[in-house]
């Protein structure tokens, strides 16, 4: 993991796993509050953004998290993301 940054004013948690630099990247909205950026070539996660982080923590303490944004994702990319979510480092956060 590269860095974790929390913006208290915006209530946004940003977790960087690798530098995107000049690499191409794809952003996928996993839910209203969660965006994952990944390298489409290496299929590695680059950054995970959690907005309204504190509210999301409170809500999901009682209700399981829904990744309903995956429903709008193309099947091949959805499969890649589901595989990523089951492995380190993403499974440590989601």
N, C-alpha and C. Protein backbone atom coordinates (compact mmCIF):
# COMPACT_ATOMS: atom_id res chain seq x y z
N UNK A 1 0.83 -1.16 0.00
CA UNK A 1 0.00 0.00 0.00
C UNK A 1 0.89 1.24 0.00
N UNK A 2 0.48 2.20 -0.77
CA UNK A 2 1.26 3.42 -0.94
C UNK A 2 0.92 4.46 0.12
N UNK A 3 -0.37 4.78 0.29
CA UNK A 3 -0.76 5.83 1.24
C UNK A 3 -2.26 5.78 1.54
N UNK A 4 -2.59 6.24 2.74
CA UNK A 4 -3.98 6.43 3.13
C UNK A 4 -4.13 7.89 3.54
N UNK A 5 -5.16 8.53 3.00
CA UNK A 5 -5.40 9.94 3.34
C UNK A 5 -6.87 10.13 3.65
N UNK A 6 -7.14 10.79 4.78
CA UNK A 6 -8.52 11.10 5.14
C UNK A 6 -8.70 12.61 5.14
N UNK A 7 -9.66 13.09 4.36
CA UNK A 7 -10.02 14.50 4.32
C UNK A 7 -11.24 14.68 5.20
N UNK A 8 -11.03 15.19 6.43
CA UNK A 8 -12.11 15.32 7.39
C UNK A 8 -13.18 16.30 6.92
N UNK A 9 -12.78 17.37 6.27
CA UNK A 9 -13.75 18.37 5.81
C UNK A 9 -14.69 17.78 4.77
N UNK A 10 -14.16 17.03 3.83
CA UNK A 10 -14.97 16.40 2.79
C UNK A 10 -15.47 15.03 3.16
N UNK A 11 -14.97 14.47 4.29
CA UNK A 11 -15.29 13.12 4.75
C UNK A 11 -15.01 12.09 3.65
N UNK A 12 -13.78 12.18 3.12
CA UNK A 12 -13.36 11.28 2.04
C UNK A 12 -12.11 10.54 2.46
N UNK A 13 -12.16 9.22 2.37
CA UNK A 13 -11.00 8.37 2.62
C UNK A 13 -10.46 7.92 1.28
N UNK A 14 -9.18 8.15 1.05
CA UNK A 14 -8.52 7.77 -0.19
C UNK A 14 -7.38 6.82 0.14
N UNK A 15 -7.40 5.66 -0.48
CA UNK A 15 -6.37 4.65 -0.25
C UNK A 15 -5.66 4.39 -1.57
N UNK A 16 -4.37 4.71 -1.61
CA UNK A 16 -3.57 4.51 -2.83
C UNK A 16 -2.75 3.23 -2.68
N UNK A 17 -2.89 2.36 -3.65
CA UNK A 17 -2.17 1.10 -3.63
C UNK A 17 -0.92 1.17 -4.50
N UNK A 18 -0.96 1.99 -5.53
CA UNK A 18 0.16 2.15 -6.45
C UNK A 18 0.02 3.48 -7.17
N UNK A 19 1.12 4.00 -7.67
CA UNK A 19 1.10 5.23 -8.45
C UNK A 19 0.54 4.92 -9.84
N UNK A 20 -0.39 5.74 -10.29
CA UNK A 20 -0.91 5.52 -11.64
C UNK A 20 0.03 6.14 -12.66
N UNK A 21 0.68 7.25 -12.29
CA UNK A 21 1.66 7.88 -13.17
C UNK A 21 1.12 8.04 -14.58
N UNK A 22 1.86 7.53 -15.52
CA UNK A 22 1.50 7.63 -16.94
C UNK A 22 0.61 6.46 -17.38
N UNK A 23 0.39 5.50 -16.50
CA UNK A 23 -0.42 4.34 -16.85
C UNK A 23 -1.88 4.74 -17.11
N UNK A 24 -2.51 3.97 -17.96
CA UNK A 24 -3.94 4.18 -18.15
C UNK A 24 -4.65 3.59 -16.93
N UNK A 25 -5.80 4.15 -16.61
CA UNK A 25 -6.56 3.60 -15.50
C UNK A 25 -8.04 3.71 -15.79
N UNK A 26 -8.78 2.85 -15.14
CA UNK A 26 -10.23 2.79 -15.30
C UNK A 26 -10.86 3.02 -13.94
N UNK A 27 -11.86 3.88 -13.88
CA UNK A 27 -12.59 4.11 -12.64
C UNK A 27 -13.94 3.43 -12.71
N UNK A 28 -14.28 2.74 -11.62
CA UNK A 28 -15.55 2.02 -11.56
C UNK A 28 -16.27 2.42 -10.27
N UNK A 29 -17.50 2.89 -10.42
CA UNK A 29 -18.31 3.24 -9.26
C UNK A 29 -18.93 1.95 -8.72
N UNK A 30 -18.42 1.49 -7.58
CA UNK A 30 -18.93 0.26 -6.98
C UNK A 30 -20.25 0.48 -6.28
N UNK A 31 -20.43 1.68 -5.73
CA UNK A 31 -21.68 2.12 -5.10
C UNK A 31 -21.68 3.64 -5.12
N UNK A 32 -22.70 4.22 -4.52
CA UNK A 32 -22.77 5.69 -4.50
C UNK A 32 -21.57 6.31 -3.79
N UNK A 33 -20.97 5.62 -2.85
CA UNK A 33 -19.89 6.17 -2.05
C UNK A 33 -18.52 5.55 -2.30
N UNK A 34 -18.43 4.61 -3.22
CA UNK A 34 -17.17 3.88 -3.40
C UNK A 34 -16.77 3.86 -4.87
N UNK A 35 -15.55 4.34 -5.13
CA UNK A 35 -15.00 4.31 -6.49
C UNK A 35 -13.65 3.60 -6.44
N UNK A 36 -13.46 2.67 -7.35
CA UNK A 36 -12.20 1.94 -7.48
C UNK A 36 -11.55 2.31 -8.80
N UNK A 37 -10.28 2.69 -8.73
CA UNK A 37 -9.49 2.93 -9.94
C UNK A 37 -8.51 1.77 -10.07
N UNK A 38 -8.44 1.20 -11.27
CA UNK A 38 -7.55 0.08 -11.49
C UNK A 38 -6.85 0.22 -12.83
N UNK A 39 -5.73 -0.47 -12.95
CA UNK A 39 -4.98 -0.53 -14.20
C UNK A 39 -5.62 -1.63 -15.04
N UNK A 40 -6.22 -1.31 -16.19
CA UNK A 40 -6.91 -2.32 -16.98
C UNK A 40 -5.97 -3.35 -17.62
N UNK A 41 -4.71 -2.99 -17.76
CA UNK A 41 -3.75 -3.92 -18.38
C UNK A 41 -3.28 -4.96 -17.36
N UNK A 42 -2.83 -4.49 -16.19
CA UNK A 42 -2.31 -5.42 -15.17
C UNK A 42 -3.40 -5.93 -14.25
N UNK A 43 -4.58 -5.31 -14.33
CA UNK A 43 -5.72 -5.65 -13.48
C UNK A 43 -5.37 -5.51 -12.00
N UNK A 44 -4.59 -4.49 -11.67
CA UNK A 44 -4.21 -4.22 -10.29
C UNK A 44 -4.93 -2.96 -9.80
N UNK A 45 -5.35 -2.96 -8.51
CA UNK A 45 -6.00 -1.77 -7.97
C UNK A 45 -4.99 -0.64 -7.82
N UNK A 46 -5.43 0.59 -8.12
CA UNK A 46 -4.57 1.76 -7.97
C UNK A 46 -5.02 2.62 -6.79
N UNK A 47 -6.31 2.95 -6.75
CA UNK A 47 -6.84 3.80 -5.69
C UNK A 47 -8.28 3.41 -5.36
N UNK A 48 -8.60 3.48 -4.09
CA UNK A 48 -9.96 3.25 -3.62
C UNK A 48 -10.41 4.53 -2.92
N UNK A 49 -11.55 5.10 -3.35
CA UNK A 49 -12.08 6.33 -2.79
C UNK A 49 -13.39 6.01 -2.08
N UNK A 50 -13.48 6.39 -0.81
CA UNK A 50 -14.70 6.20 -0.03
C UNK A 50 -15.20 7.57 0.39
N UNK A 51 -16.30 8.04 -0.21
CA UNK A 51 -16.84 9.35 0.14
C UNK A 51 -17.93 9.18 1.20
N UNK A 52 -18.19 10.24 1.94
CA UNK A 52 -19.11 10.19 3.08
C UNK A 52 -18.72 9.02 3.99
N UNK A 53 -17.44 8.95 4.26
CA UNK A 53 -16.86 7.79 4.94
C UNK A 53 -17.48 7.53 6.31
N UNK A 54 -17.59 8.55 7.16
CA UNK A 54 -18.14 8.33 8.50
C UNK A 54 -19.60 7.87 8.44
N UNK A 55 -20.40 8.49 7.60
CA UNK A 55 -21.79 8.09 7.44
C UNK A 55 -21.89 6.66 6.92
N UNK A 56 -21.00 6.33 5.99
CA UNK A 56 -21.00 4.99 5.43
C UNK A 56 -20.65 3.96 6.51
N UNK A 57 -19.68 4.28 7.36
CA UNK A 57 -19.32 3.36 8.45
C UNK A 57 -20.51 3.10 9.37
N UNK A 58 -21.20 4.16 9.74
CA UNK A 58 -22.37 4.01 10.62
C UNK A 58 -23.47 3.19 9.96
N UNK A 59 -23.76 3.47 8.71
CA UNK A 59 -24.82 2.76 8.00
C UNK A 59 -24.50 1.29 7.83
N UNK A 60 -23.24 0.99 7.50
CA UNK A 60 -22.88 -0.39 7.21
C UNK A 60 -22.52 -1.20 8.44
N UNK A 61 -22.53 -0.56 9.61
CA UNK A 61 -22.33 -1.30 10.85
C UNK A 61 -23.58 -2.14 11.12
N UNK A 62 -24.73 -1.69 10.60
CA UNK A 62 -25.99 -2.39 10.83
C UNK A 62 -26.52 -3.10 9.59
N UNK A 63 -26.10 -2.66 8.42
CA UNK A 63 -26.59 -3.21 7.16
C UNK A 63 -25.41 -3.60 6.28
N UNK A 64 -25.45 -4.76 5.66
CA UNK A 64 -24.35 -5.14 4.76
C UNK A 64 -24.18 -4.12 3.63
N UNK A 65 -22.95 -3.95 3.20
CA UNK A 65 -22.62 -3.03 2.12
C UNK A 65 -23.08 -3.60 0.79
N UNK A 66 -23.69 -2.76 -0.01
CA UNK A 66 -24.14 -3.17 -1.34
C UNK A 66 -23.24 -2.53 -2.39
N UNK A 67 -22.75 -3.33 -3.29
CA UNK A 67 -21.92 -2.84 -4.40
C UNK A 67 -22.77 -2.85 -5.67
N UNK A 68 -23.88 -2.16 -5.61
CA UNK A 68 -24.84 -2.17 -6.71
C UNK A 68 -24.33 -1.50 -7.98
N UNK A 69 -23.24 -0.75 -7.89
CA UNK A 69 -22.65 -0.15 -9.09
C UNK A 69 -22.08 -1.19 -10.04
N UNK A 70 -21.75 -2.35 -9.51
CA UNK A 70 -21.22 -3.42 -10.37
C UNK A 70 -22.26 -3.89 -11.39
N UNK A 71 -23.53 -3.70 -11.08
CA UNK A 71 -24.59 -4.11 -12.00
C UNK A 71 -24.51 -3.36 -13.33
N UNK A 72 -23.93 -2.16 -13.31
CA UNK A 72 -23.82 -1.34 -14.52
C UNK A 72 -22.46 -1.49 -15.20
N UNK A 73 -21.65 -2.41 -14.71
CA UNK A 73 -20.30 -2.61 -15.23
C UNK A 73 -20.29 -3.75 -16.25
N UNK A 74 -19.56 -3.61 -17.35
CA UNK A 74 -19.47 -4.71 -18.32
C UNK A 74 -19.01 -6.01 -17.64
N UNK A 75 -19.50 -7.13 -18.13
CA UNK A 75 -19.28 -8.44 -17.50
C UNK A 75 -17.80 -8.75 -17.30
N UNK A 76 -16.96 -8.54 -18.29
CA UNK A 76 -15.52 -8.86 -18.15
C UNK A 76 -14.88 -8.04 -17.05
N UNK A 77 -15.20 -6.75 -17.01
CA UNK A 77 -14.64 -5.89 -15.97
C UNK A 77 -15.22 -6.25 -14.61
N UNK A 78 -16.49 -6.59 -14.55
CA UNK A 78 -17.13 -7.00 -13.30
C UNK A 78 -16.43 -8.23 -12.72
N UNK A 79 -16.11 -9.20 -13.57
CA UNK A 79 -15.41 -10.40 -13.13
C UNK A 79 -14.04 -10.06 -12.56
N UNK A 80 -13.31 -9.19 -13.22
CA UNK A 80 -12.00 -8.74 -12.74
C UNK A 80 -12.13 -8.08 -11.38
N UNK A 81 -13.10 -7.20 -11.24
CA UNK A 81 -13.29 -6.48 -9.97
C UNK A 81 -13.69 -7.43 -8.85
N UNK A 82 -14.58 -8.36 -9.12
CA UNK A 82 -14.97 -9.33 -8.09
C UNK A 82 -13.78 -10.15 -7.63
N UNK A 83 -12.90 -10.51 -8.55
CA UNK A 83 -11.68 -11.23 -8.17
C UNK A 83 -10.77 -10.36 -7.31
N UNK A 84 -10.62 -9.09 -7.69
CA UNK A 84 -9.79 -8.16 -6.92
C UNK A 84 -10.34 -7.97 -5.51
N UNK A 85 -11.65 -7.89 -5.36
CA UNK A 85 -12.27 -7.65 -4.07
C UNK A 85 -12.07 -8.79 -3.09
N UNK A 86 -11.74 -9.96 -3.60
CA UNK A 86 -11.54 -11.12 -2.75
C UNK A 86 -10.09 -11.31 -2.32
N UNK A 87 -9.21 -10.44 -2.84
CA UNK A 87 -7.78 -10.58 -2.55
C UNK A 87 -7.26 -9.34 -1.82
N UNK A 88 -6.11 -9.52 -1.20
CA UNK A 88 -5.40 -8.40 -0.59
C UNK A 88 -4.91 -7.50 -1.72
N UNK A 89 -4.99 -6.23 -1.63
CA UNK A 89 -5.29 -5.41 -0.45
C UNK A 89 -6.75 -5.01 -0.32
N UNK A 90 -7.57 -5.19 -1.37
CA UNK A 90 -8.95 -4.69 -1.32
C UNK A 90 -9.80 -5.39 -0.27
N UNK A 91 -9.57 -6.67 -0.05
CA UNK A 91 -10.41 -7.37 0.95
C UNK A 91 -10.14 -6.87 2.37
N UNK A 92 -9.07 -6.11 2.56
CA UNK A 92 -8.83 -5.51 3.86
C UNK A 92 -9.73 -4.30 4.11
N UNK A 93 -10.29 -3.74 3.05
CA UNK A 93 -11.08 -2.52 3.17
C UNK A 93 -12.56 -2.72 2.86
N UNK A 94 -12.87 -3.70 2.03
CA UNK A 94 -14.27 -3.92 1.65
C UNK A 94 -14.71 -5.34 2.00
